[in-house]
Amino acid sequence: MPSGSALPVADDPVGSVLHALSDPTRRAVISRLAIGPASTGALAEPFGMALPSFTQHMAILEKAGLVTSQKVGRVRTYSLDVAALTQANAWIQEQVDVWNARLDRMQAFVESVDK
């Protein structure tokens, strides 16, 4: 992502997911959708915000690949799509593994110096 850019670029799916999850409203929506699909109105209800503002949150989640939507008549229903979460989780786990390896080497060095 270029310096100073507010949004992730299209070819950065992990960045898009992390950006989408950076907002507590969107994280709460993801938690709710883990239970099962829900309409826009049902998802928006707990947040007390105007529907247009809420639909912007949903657009960010959908663009990141975290949710899918289906419109039947006037009702749009959202479902969780875990593939994007799985991809972001894999990247995060890679970072954890790198840092754990570094910390293990540091611990081994410190223990060798203490002897």
C-alpha atoms as a PDB file:
ATOM      1  CA  MET A   1       0.000   0.000   0.000  1.00  0.00           C
ATOM      2  CA  PRO A   2       1.502   3.349  -0.980  1.00  0.00           C
ATOM      3  CA  SER A   3       2.500   5.744   1.772  1.00  0.00           C
ATOM      4  CA  GLY A   4      -0.324   8.093   2.724  1.00  0.00           C
ATOM      5  CA  SER A   5      -3.003   5.927   1.124  1.00  0.00           C
ATOM      6  CA  ALA A   6      -6.115   5.600   3.286  1.00  0.00           C
ATOM      7  CA  LEU A   7      -7.504   2.461   1.670  1.00  0.00           C
ATOM      8  CA  PRO A   8      -5.897  -0.845   0.732  1.00  0.00           C
ATOM      9  CA  VAL A   9      -5.190  -1.464  -2.937  1.00  0.00           C
ATOM     10  CA  ALA A  10      -7.258  -3.972  -4.899  1.00  0.00           C
ATOM     11  CA  ASP A  11      -4.425  -6.506  -5.180  1.00  0.00           C
ATOM     12  CA  ASP A  12      -3.892  -6.612  -1.393  1.00  0.00           C
ATOM     13  CA  PRO A  13      -6.605  -8.943  -0.082  1.00  0.00           C
ATOM     14  CA  VAL A  14      -5.055  -9.280   3.377  1.00  0.00           C
ATOM     15  CA  GLY A  15      -4.789  -5.499   3.636  1.00  0.00           C
ATOM     16  CA  SER A  16      -8.425  -5.169   2.619  1.00  0.00           C
ATOM     17  CA  VAL A  17      -9.477  -7.629   5.310  1.00  0.00           C
ATOM     18  CA  LEU A  18      -7.384  -5.917   7.979  1.00  0.00           C
ATOM     19  CA  HIS A  19      -8.787  -2.526   6.953  1.00  0.00           C
ATOM     20  CA  ALA A  20     -12.337  -3.894   7.107  1.00  0.00           C
ATOM     21  CA  LEU A  21     -11.712  -5.395  10.539  1.00  0.00           C
ATOM     22  CA  SER A  22     -10.152  -2.198  11.882  1.00  0.00           C
ATOM     23  CA  ASP A  23     -13.600  -0.813  12.728  1.00  0.00           C
ATOM     24  CA  PRO A  24     -15.473  -2.108  15.816  1.00  0.00           C
ATOM     25  CA  THR A  25     -18.851  -1.896  14.055  1.00  0.00           C
ATOM     26  CA  ARG A  26     -17.630  -4.115  11.237  1.00  0.00           C
ATOM     27  CA  ARG A  27     -16.050  -6.578  13.694  1.00  0.00           C
ATOM     28  CA  ALA A  28     -19.382  -6.771  15.533  1.00  0.00           C
ATOM     29  CA  VAL A  29     -21.172  -7.462  12.247  1.00  0.00           C
ATOM     30  CA  ILE A  30     -18.726 -10.286  11.481  1.00  0.00           C
ATOM     31  CA  SER A  31     -19.372 -11.765  14.934  1.00  0.00           C
ATOM     32  CA  ARG A  32     -23.114 -11.558  14.373  1.00  0.00           C
ATOM     33  CA  LEU A  33     -22.888 -13.162  10.919  1.00  0.00           C
ATOM     34  CA  ALA A  34     -20.936 -16.074  12.434  1.00  0.00           C
ATOM     35  CA  ILE A  35     -24.310 -17.101  13.910  1.00  0.00           C
ATOM     36  CA  GLY A  36     -25.992 -17.043  10.500  1.00  0.00           C
ATOM     37  CA  PRO A  37     -27.216 -14.808   7.660  1.00  0.00           C
ATOM     38  CA  ALA A  38     -29.127 -11.629   8.486  1.00  0.00           C
ATOM     39  CA  SER A  39     -30.844  -8.763   6.708  1.00  0.00           C
ATOM     40  CA  THR A  40     -29.367  -5.273   6.533  1.00  0.00           C
ATOM     41  CA  GLY A  41     -32.020  -3.981   8.914  1.00  0.00           C
ATOM     42  CA  ALA A  42     -31.402  -6.700  11.484  1.00  0.00           C
ATOM     43  CA  LEU A  43     -27.646  -6.129  11.329  1.00  0.00           C
ATOM     44  CA  ALA A  44     -27.982  -2.335  11.591  1.00  0.00           C
ATOM     45  CA  GLU A  45     -30.450  -2.333  14.497  1.00  0.00           C
ATOM     46  CA  PRO A  46     -27.971  -2.579  17.409  1.00  0.00           C
ATOM     47  CA  PHE A  47     -25.827   0.308  16.148  1.00  0.00           C
ATOM     48  CA  GLY A  48     -28.337   3.167  16.108  1.00  0.00           C
ATOM     49  CA  MET A  49     -26.871   4.743  12.987  1.00  0.00           C
ATOM     50  CA  ALA A  50     -28.545   5.878   9.801  1.00  0.00           C
ATOM     51  CA  LEU A  51     -29.014   3.052   7.302  1.00  0.00           C
ATOM     52  CA  PRO A  52     -26.878   4.771   4.608  1.00  0.00           C
ATOM     53  CA  SER A  53     -23.977   4.972   7.069  1.00  0.00           C
ATOM     54  CA  PHE A  54     -24.410   1.333   7.994  1.00  0.00           C
ATOM     55  CA  THR A  55     -24.564   0.214   4.366  1.00  0.00           C
ATOM     56  CA  GLN A  56     -21.162   1.865   3.841  1.00  0.00           C
ATOM     57  CA  HIS A  57     -19.778  -0.495   6.490  1.00  0.00           C
ATOM     58  CA  MET A  58     -21.374  -3.426   4.694  1.00  0.00           C
ATOM     59  CA  ALA A  59     -19.891  -2.310   1.365  1.00  0.00           C
ATOM     60  CA  ILE A  60     -16.404  -2.326   2.916  1.00  0.00           C
ATOM     61  CA  LEU A  61     -16.957  -5.824   4.324  1.00  0.00           C
ATOM     62  CA  GLU A  62     -18.258  -7.046   0.975  1.00  0.00           C
ATOM     63  CA  LYS A  63     -15.394  -5.467  -0.987  1.00  0.00           C
ATOM     64  CA  ALA A  64     -12.923  -7.183   1.355  1.00  0.00           C
ATOM     65  CA  GLY A  65     -14.619 -10.516   0.625  1.00  0.00           C
ATOM     66  CA  LEU A  66     -15.716 -11.020   4.226  1.00  0.00           C
ATOM     67  CA  VAL A  67     -19.431 -11.069   3.436  1.00  0.00           C
ATOM     68  CA  THR A  68     -21.641 -11.860   0.497  1.00  0.00           C
ATOM     69  CA  SER A  69     -25.100 -10.486  -0.087  1.00  0.00           C
ATOM     70  CA  GLN A  70     -28.240 -11.536  -1.849  1.00  0.00           C
ATOM     71  CA  LYS A  71     -31.187  -9.306  -2.601  1.00  0.00           C
ATOM     72  CA  VAL A  72     -34.684 -10.767  -2.734  1.00  0.00           C
ATOM     73  CA  GLY A  73     -37.315  -8.140  -3.377  1.00  0.00           C
ATOM     74  CA  ARG A  74     -36.449  -5.190  -1.170  1.00  0.00           C
ATOM     75  CA  VAL A  75     -34.511  -7.213   1.418  1.00  0.00           C
ATOM     76  CA  ARG A  76     -30.733  -7.649   1.214  1.00  0.00           C
ATOM     77  CA  THR A  77     -29.388 -10.535   3.267  1.00  0.00           C
ATOM     78  CA  TYR A  78     -25.727 -10.873   4.203  1.00  0.00           C
ATOM     79  CA  SER A  79     -23.743 -14.029   4.919  1.00  0.00           C
ATOM     80  CA  LEU A  80     -20.231 -14.504   6.260  1.00  0.00           C
ATOM     81  CA  ASP A  81     -17.577 -15.712   3.809  1.00  0.00           C
ATOM     82  CA  VAL A  82     -14.740 -17.214   5.844  1.00  0.00           C
ATOM     83  CA  ALA A  83     -12.288 -17.574   2.934  1.00  0.00           C
ATOM     84  CA  ALA A  84     -10.981 -14.019   3.353  1.00  0.00           C
ATOM     85  CA  LEU A  85     -10.639 -14.512   7.116  1.00  0.00           C
ATOM     86  CA  THR A  86      -8.713 -17.727   6.509  1.00  0.00           C
ATOM     87  CA  GLN A  87      -6.297 -15.944   4.174  1.00  0.00           C
ATOM     88  CA  ALA A  88      -5.717 -13.104   6.658  1.00  0.00           C
ATOM     89  CA  ASN A  89      -5.298 -15.616   9.485  1.00  0.00           C
ATOM     90  CA  ALA A  90      -2.634 -17.454   7.483  1.00  0.00           C
ATOM     91  CA  TRP A  91      -0.685 -14.209   7.012  1.00  0.00           C
ATOM     92  CA  ILE A  92      -0.990 -13.349  10.707  1.00  0.00           C
ATOM     93  CA  GLN A  93       0.173 -16.846  11.677  1.00  0.00           C
ATOM     94  CA  GLU A  94       3.217 -16.472   9.411  1.00  0.00           C
ATOM     95  CA  GLN A  95       4.118 -13.269  11.281  1.00  0.00           C
ATOM     96  CA  VAL A  96       3.635 -14.980  14.653  1.00  0.00           C
ATOM     97  CA  ASP A  97       5.901 -17.834  13.538  1.00  0.00           C
ATOM     98  CA  VAL A  98       8.629 -15.417  12.382  1.00  0.00           C
ATOM     99  CA  TRP A  99       8.568 -13.516  15.671  1.00  0.00           C
ATOM    100  CA  ASN A 100       8.452 -16.668  17.779  1.00  0.00           C
ATOM    101  CA  ALA A 101      11.536 -17.944  15.949  1.00  0.00           C
ATOM    102  CA  ARG A 102      13.317 -14.633  16.560  1.00  0.00           C
ATOM    103  CA  LEU A 103      12.407 -14.663  20.239  1.00  0.00           C
ATOM    104  CA  ASP A 104      13.559 -18.283  20.566  1.00  0.00           C
ATOM    105  CA  ARG A 105      16.947 -17.347  19.059  1.00  0.00           C
ATOM    106  CA  MET A 106      17.211 -14.362  21.378  1.00  0.00           C
ATOM    107  CA  GLN A 107      16.383 -16.510  24.400  1.00  0.00           C
ATOM    108  CA  ALA A 108      18.991 -19.071  23.371  1.00  0.00           C
ATOM    109  CA  PHE A 109      21.581 -16.307  22.981  1.00  0.00           C
ATOM    110  CA  VAL A 110      20.766 -14.774  26.385  1.00  0.00           C
ATOM    111  CA  GLU A 111      20.949 -18.203  28.045  1.00  0.00           C
ATOM    112  CA  SER A 112      24.325 -18.910  26.391  1.00  0.00           C
ATOM    113  CA  VAL A 113      25.715 -15.582  27.648  1.00  0.00           C
ATOM    114  CA  ASP A 114      24.477 -16.228  31.209  1.00  0.00           C
ATOM    115  CA  LYS A 115      26.459 -19.469  31.476  1.00  0.00           C
END
